[in-house]
Amino acid sequence: MLKCRLVKFCLVFASMVLLVACASAEKKLTDKKCGTCHSLDVVYNKNYTEGTWQNVIDAMKLSGINTSSTEDAQILKYLTEKHGI
């Protein structure tokens, strides 16, 4: 019984660590890409819908930001989860 609880605890803990690491990586990417041209306050003081954040990313790509489609998805995910409405 104790062994089973320990295994469950370890699985939950590992999942939490992984989630934090992913969120941290997404934030670092967003900071790096958006912070190239803007103060991060300009970005993080906004709260938009997912569609509006997508439009912002598309506009930034037209302005010259160099991101892959994978990076776009990670940035969109982070902005929508942390600064979405």
C-alpha atoms as a PDB file:
ATOM      1  CA  MET A   1       0.000   0.000   0.000  1.00  0.00           C
ATOM      2  CA  LEU A   2       2.790   2.428   0.919  1.00  0.00           C
ATOM      3  CA  LYS A   3       4.688   1.473  -2.235  1.00  0.00           C
ATOM      4  CA  CYS A   4       1.605   2.229  -4.358  1.00  0.00           C
ATOM      5  CA  ARG A   5       1.200   5.660  -2.738  1.00  0.00           C
ATOM      6  CA  LEU A   6       4.853   6.414  -3.291  1.00  0.00           C
ATOM      7  CA  VAL A   7       4.584   5.513  -6.976  1.00  0.00           C
ATOM      8  CA  LYS A   8       1.480   7.694  -7.364  1.00  0.00           C
ATOM      9  CA  PHE A   9       3.210  10.579  -5.615  1.00  0.00           C
ATOM     10  CA  CYS A  10       6.256  10.254  -7.868  1.00  0.00           C
ATOM     11  CA  LEU A  11       4.103  10.217 -10.998  1.00  0.00           C
ATOM     12  CA  VAL A  12       2.159  13.308  -9.914  1.00  0.00           C
ATOM     13  CA  PHE A  13       5.349  15.117  -8.935  1.00  0.00           C
ATOM     14  CA  ALA A  14       7.067  14.265 -12.213  1.00  0.00           C
ATOM     15  CA  SER A  15       4.023  15.491 -14.152  1.00  0.00           C
ATOM     16  CA  MET A  16       4.052  18.786 -12.278  1.00  0.00           C
ATOM     17  CA  VAL A  17       7.763  19.283 -12.926  1.00  0.00           C
ATOM     18  CA  LEU A  18       7.247  18.582 -16.614  1.00  0.00           C
ATOM     19  CA  LEU A  19       4.372  21.072 -16.848  1.00  0.00           C
ATOM     20  CA  VAL A  20       6.426  23.784 -15.156  1.00  0.00           C
ATOM     21  CA  ALA A  21       9.396  23.090 -17.428  1.00  0.00           C
ATOM     22  CA  CYS A  22       7.206  23.303 -20.546  1.00  0.00           C
ATOM     23  CA  ALA A  23       5.593  26.547 -19.409  1.00  0.00           C
ATOM     24  CA  SER A  24       9.007  27.939 -18.594  1.00  0.00           C
ATOM     25  CA  ALA A  25      10.337  26.994 -22.037  1.00  0.00           C
ATOM     26  CA  GLU A  26       7.319  28.602 -23.717  1.00  0.00           C
ATOM     27  CA  LYS A  27       7.806  31.787 -21.673  1.00  0.00           C
ATOM     28  CA  LYS A  28      11.518  31.911 -22.499  1.00  0.00           C
ATOM     29  CA  LEU A  29      10.738  31.531 -26.193  1.00  0.00           C
ATOM     30  CA  THR A  30       8.066  34.242 -26.014  1.00  0.00           C
ATOM     31  CA  ASP A  31      10.441  36.552 -24.121  1.00  0.00           C
ATOM     32  CA  LYS A  32      13.190  35.949 -26.666  1.00  0.00           C
ATOM     33  CA  LYS A  33      11.097  36.422 -29.788  1.00  0.00           C
ATOM     34  CA  CYS A  34       8.828  39.258 -28.615  1.00  0.00           C
ATOM     35  CA  GLY A  35      11.525  40.982 -26.583  1.00  0.00           C
ATOM     36  CA  THR A  36      13.678  41.398 -29.677  1.00  0.00           C
ATOM     37  CA  CYS A  37      11.612  44.397 -30.779  1.00  0.00           C
ATOM     38  CA  HIS A  38       9.435  45.256 -27.767  1.00  0.00           C
ATOM     39  CA  SER A  39       9.628  45.843 -24.083  1.00  0.00           C
ATOM     40  CA  LEU A  40       7.986  42.734 -22.650  1.00  0.00           C
ATOM     41  CA  ASP A  41       5.547  45.003 -20.783  1.00  0.00           C
ATOM     42  CA  VAL A  42       4.047  45.845 -24.174  1.00  0.00           C
ATOM     43  CA  VAL A  43       3.280  42.164 -24.680  1.00  0.00           C
ATOM     44  CA  TYR A  44       2.407  41.040 -21.166  1.00  0.00           C
ATOM     45  CA  ASN A  45       0.114  43.951 -20.325  1.00  0.00           C
ATOM     46  CA  LYS A  46      -2.327  42.701 -22.945  1.00  0.00           C
ATOM     47  CA  ASN A  47      -5.096  40.130 -22.563  1.00  0.00           C
ATOM     48  CA  TYR A  48      -6.484  38.861 -25.855  1.00  0.00           C
ATOM     49  CA  THR A  49      -8.488  35.961 -27.191  1.00  0.00           C
ATOM     50  CA  GLU A  50      -6.611  33.149 -28.920  1.00  0.00           C
ATOM     51  CA  GLY A  51      -7.718  34.492 -32.295  1.00  0.00           C
ATOM     52  CA  THR A  52      -6.427  37.967 -31.533  1.00  0.00           C
ATOM     53  CA  TRP A  53      -3.083  36.594 -30.297  1.00  0.00           C
ATOM     54  CA  GLN A  54      -2.850  34.620 -33.546  1.00  0.00           C
ATOM     55  CA  ASN A  55      -3.452  37.842 -35.498  1.00  0.00           C
ATOM     56  CA  VAL A  56      -0.713  39.557 -33.479  1.00  0.00           C
ATOM     57  CA  ILE A  57       1.732  36.733 -34.229  1.00  0.00           C
ATOM     58  CA  ASP A  58       0.806  36.867 -37.932  1.00  0.00           C
ATOM     59  CA  ALA A  59       1.367  40.644 -37.971  1.00  0.00           C
ATOM     60  CA  MET A  60       4.739  40.262 -36.271  1.00  0.00           C
ATOM     61  CA  LYS A  61       5.770  37.672 -38.856  1.00  0.00           C
ATOM     62  CA  LEU A  62       4.890  40.171 -41.600  1.00  0.00           C
ATOM     63  CA  SER A  63       7.035  42.715 -39.731  1.00  0.00           C
ATOM     64  CA  GLY A  64      10.007  40.380 -39.888  1.00  0.00           C
ATOM     65  CA  ILE A  65      10.071  38.182 -36.780  1.00  0.00           C
ATOM     66  CA  ASN A  66      11.720  34.883 -37.639  1.00  0.00           C
ATOM     67  CA  THR A  67       9.773  32.016 -36.074  1.00  0.00           C
ATOM     68  CA  SER A  68       8.941  28.500 -37.166  1.00  0.00           C
ATOM     69  CA  SER A  69       5.398  27.168 -37.146  1.00  0.00           C
ATOM     70  CA  THR A  70       6.311  25.121 -34.054  1.00  0.00           C
ATOM     71  CA  GLU A  71       7.554  28.249 -32.281  1.00  0.00           C
ATOM     72  CA  ASP A  72       4.413  30.128 -33.353  1.00  0.00           C
ATOM     73  CA  ALA A  73       2.280  27.403 -31.765  1.00  0.00           C
ATOM     74  CA  GLN A  74       4.306  27.490 -28.529  1.00  0.00           C
ATOM     75  CA  ILE A  75       4.106  31.276 -28.298  1.00  0.00           C
ATOM     76  CA  LEU A  76       0.375  31.213 -29.039  1.00  0.00           C
ATOM     77  CA  LYS A  77      -0.175  28.563 -26.385  1.00  0.00           C
ATOM     78  CA  TYR A  78       1.739  30.537 -23.766  1.00  0.00           C
ATOM     79  CA  LEU A  79       0.074  33.868 -24.557  1.00  0.00           C
ATOM     80  CA  THR A  80      -3.397  32.324 -24.674  1.00  0.00           C
ATOM     81  CA  GLU A  81      -2.947  30.446 -21.387  1.00  0.00           C
ATOM     82  CA  LYS A  82      -1.252  33.250 -19.455  1.00  0.00           C
ATOM     83  CA  HIS A  83      -2.622  36.383 -21.133  1.00  0.00           C
ATOM     84  CA  GLY A  84      -5.847  35.232 -22.706  1.00  0.00           C
ATOM     85  CA  ILE A  85      -9.440  36.163 -22.117  1.00  0.00           C
END
